[in-house]
N, C-alpha and C. Protein backbone atom coordinates (compact mmCIF):
# COMPACT_ATOMS: atom_id res chain seq x y z
N MET A 1 -0.82 -1.65 8.41
CA MET A 1 -0.75 -2.04 9.80
C MET A 1 0.67 -1.74 10.29
N PRO A 2 0.83 -1.33 11.53
CA PRO A 2 2.16 -1.06 12.05
C PRO A 2 3.06 -2.30 12.00
N ARG A 3 4.33 -2.07 11.87
CA ARG A 3 5.30 -3.17 11.81
C ARG A 3 5.20 -4.05 13.05
N GLU A 4 5.00 -3.42 14.21
CA GLU A 4 4.93 -4.16 15.47
C GLU A 4 3.76 -5.13 15.52
N LYS A 5 2.72 -4.86 14.73
CA LYS A 5 1.54 -5.72 14.71
C LYS A 5 1.53 -6.66 13.51
N GLY A 6 2.67 -6.79 12.84
CA GLY A 6 2.77 -7.73 11.73
C GLY A 6 2.61 -7.11 10.36
N GLY A 7 2.48 -5.79 10.27
CA GLY A 7 2.36 -5.13 8.97
C GLY A 7 3.67 -5.20 8.20
N VAL A 8 3.59 -5.19 6.88
CA VAL A 8 4.80 -5.29 6.06
C VAL A 8 5.08 -4.04 5.25
N VAL A 9 4.12 -3.09 5.23
CA VAL A 9 4.33 -1.84 4.49
C VAL A 9 4.01 -0.64 5.38
N ASP A 10 4.63 0.50 5.05
CA ASP A 10 4.34 1.72 5.79
C ASP A 10 3.16 2.45 5.14
N ASP A 11 2.91 3.68 5.58
CA ASP A 11 1.76 4.42 5.08
C ASP A 11 1.90 4.85 3.62
N ARG A 12 3.08 4.71 3.04
CA ARG A 12 3.29 5.03 1.62
C ARG A 12 3.46 3.75 0.80
N LEU A 13 3.03 2.62 1.37
CA LEU A 13 3.04 1.30 0.73
C LEU A 13 4.45 0.78 0.41
N GLN A 14 5.45 1.32 1.10
CA GLN A 14 6.83 0.86 0.94
C GLN A 14 7.08 -0.27 1.94
N VAL A 15 7.73 -1.34 1.49
CA VAL A 15 8.04 -2.46 2.37
C VAL A 15 9.01 -1.98 3.45
N TRP A 16 8.68 -2.32 4.72
CA TRP A 16 9.54 -1.91 5.83
C TRP A 16 10.98 -2.34 5.59
N GLY A 17 11.93 -1.44 5.82
CA GLY A 17 13.35 -1.77 5.73
C GLY A 17 13.91 -1.74 4.31
N THR A 18 13.14 -1.28 3.33
CA THR A 18 13.63 -1.20 1.96
C THR A 18 13.43 0.22 1.42
N LYS A 19 14.05 0.49 0.29
CA LYS A 19 13.84 1.75 -0.41
C LYS A 19 13.37 1.43 -1.82
N GLY A 20 12.31 2.10 -2.25
CA GLY A 20 11.85 1.94 -3.62
C GLY A 20 11.16 0.62 -3.92
N LEU A 21 10.56 -0.01 -2.91
CA LEU A 21 9.87 -1.27 -3.14
C LEU A 21 8.43 -1.19 -2.61
N PRO A 22 7.54 -0.59 -3.39
CA PRO A 22 6.14 -0.54 -2.96
C PRO A 22 5.43 -1.85 -3.26
N VAL A 23 4.44 -2.17 -2.44
CA VAL A 23 3.60 -3.34 -2.67
C VAL A 23 2.18 -2.85 -2.87
N VAL A 24 1.60 -3.25 -3.99
CA VAL A 24 0.25 -2.79 -4.34
C VAL A 24 -0.59 -4.01 -4.70
N ASP A 25 -1.17 -4.63 -3.69
CA ASP A 25 -2.11 -5.73 -3.91
C ASP A 25 -2.95 -5.90 -2.65
N ALA A 26 -3.80 -6.88 -2.63
CA ALA A 26 -4.73 -7.06 -1.52
C ALA A 26 -4.03 -7.42 -0.22
N SER A 27 -2.79 -7.85 -0.27
CA SER A 27 -2.10 -8.25 0.96
C SER A 27 -1.83 -7.07 1.89
N VAL A 28 -1.90 -5.84 1.41
CA VAL A 28 -1.64 -4.68 2.27
C VAL A 28 -2.89 -4.24 3.04
N ILE A 29 -4.04 -4.81 2.74
CA ILE A 29 -5.27 -4.47 3.44
C ILE A 29 -5.27 -5.23 4.77
N PRO A 30 -5.29 -4.52 5.91
CA PRO A 30 -5.13 -5.19 7.20
C PRO A 30 -6.31 -6.05 7.64
N VAL A 31 -7.50 -5.80 7.12
CA VAL A 31 -8.68 -6.60 7.47
C VAL A 31 -9.41 -6.99 6.19
N ILE A 32 -10.13 -8.09 6.23
CA ILE A 32 -10.88 -8.53 5.06
C ILE A 32 -12.10 -7.64 4.89
N PRO A 33 -12.24 -7.00 3.74
CA PRO A 33 -13.40 -6.13 3.53
C PRO A 33 -14.70 -6.94 3.53
N THR A 34 -15.77 -6.34 4.04
CA THR A 34 -17.05 -7.05 4.05
C THR A 34 -17.72 -7.01 2.69
N GLY A 35 -17.34 -6.08 1.87
CA GLY A 35 -17.94 -5.96 0.54
C GLY A 35 -17.07 -6.61 -0.52
N ASN A 36 -17.11 -6.05 -1.69
CA ASN A 36 -16.36 -6.55 -2.83
C ASN A 36 -14.86 -6.29 -2.64
N THR A 37 -14.07 -7.34 -2.64
CA THR A 37 -12.62 -7.20 -2.48
C THR A 37 -12.00 -6.41 -3.63
N GLN A 38 -12.52 -6.59 -4.82
CA GLN A 38 -11.99 -5.90 -5.99
C GLN A 38 -12.06 -4.38 -5.82
N SER A 39 -13.12 -3.88 -5.24
CA SER A 39 -13.26 -2.45 -5.01
C SER A 39 -12.18 -1.94 -4.07
N ALA A 40 -11.90 -2.69 -3.01
CA ALA A 40 -10.86 -2.29 -2.06
C ALA A 40 -9.48 -2.27 -2.74
N VAL A 41 -9.22 -3.23 -3.59
CA VAL A 41 -7.95 -3.28 -4.31
C VAL A 41 -7.83 -2.09 -5.26
N TYR A 42 -8.92 -1.71 -5.91
CA TYR A 42 -8.91 -0.53 -6.79
C TYR A 42 -8.54 0.73 -6.00
N VAL A 43 -9.09 0.86 -4.80
CA VAL A 43 -8.79 2.03 -3.97
C VAL A 43 -7.31 2.06 -3.61
N VAL A 44 -6.77 0.92 -3.20
CA VAL A 44 -5.34 0.84 -2.87
C VAL A 44 -4.50 1.16 -4.10
N ALA A 45 -4.88 0.64 -5.24
CA ALA A 45 -4.11 0.88 -6.48
C ALA A 45 -4.13 2.36 -6.88
N GLU A 46 -5.29 3.02 -6.75
CA GLU A 46 -5.37 4.44 -7.07
C GLU A 46 -4.50 5.26 -6.13
N ARG A 47 -4.53 4.92 -4.85
CA ARG A 47 -3.68 5.64 -3.88
C ARG A 47 -2.21 5.38 -4.17
N ALA A 48 -1.86 4.16 -4.50
CA ALA A 48 -0.48 3.82 -4.82
C ALA A 48 0.00 4.60 -6.04
N ALA A 49 -0.86 4.74 -7.05
CA ALA A 49 -0.49 5.50 -8.24
C ALA A 49 -0.19 6.94 -7.87
N ASP A 50 -1.00 7.52 -6.99
CA ASP A 50 -0.75 8.90 -6.54
C ASP A 50 0.58 9.01 -5.80
N LEU A 51 0.85 8.05 -4.92
CA LEU A 51 2.10 8.06 -4.15
C LEU A 51 3.31 7.91 -5.06
N ILE A 52 3.22 7.02 -6.03
CA ILE A 52 4.34 6.81 -6.96
C ILE A 52 4.58 8.06 -7.79
N LYS A 53 3.51 8.71 -8.25
CA LYS A 53 3.67 9.96 -9.01
C LYS A 53 4.34 11.05 -8.14
N GLU A 54 3.92 11.15 -6.88
CA GLU A 54 4.54 12.12 -5.97
C GLU A 54 6.03 11.85 -5.83
N ASP A 55 6.39 10.58 -5.64
CA ASP A 55 7.80 10.22 -5.49
C ASP A 55 8.60 10.54 -6.73
N LEU A 56 8.02 10.33 -7.90
CA LEU A 56 8.73 10.61 -9.14
C LEU A 56 8.93 12.11 -9.35
N LEU A 57 7.98 12.91 -8.92
CA LEU A 57 8.10 14.36 -9.05
C LEU A 57 9.13 14.94 -8.09
N LYS A 58 9.41 14.26 -6.99
CA LYS A 58 10.41 14.72 -6.03
C LYS A 58 11.82 14.57 -6.55
N THR A 59 12.04 13.63 -7.45
CA THR A 59 13.39 13.36 -7.95
C THR A 59 13.76 14.23 -9.11
């Protein structure tokens, strides 16, 4: 969610105003999923793993 609307992470799951501090848990999901919450958390975790790998390859 955008910072202006109360979001705490950007599109790469980095906490606004910090460097190197990703958050990977259900708190980054802006709305409550209608289905299984665990599935949504798995999707976020898989995406976060990809983002972290990309960041490590850049350095």
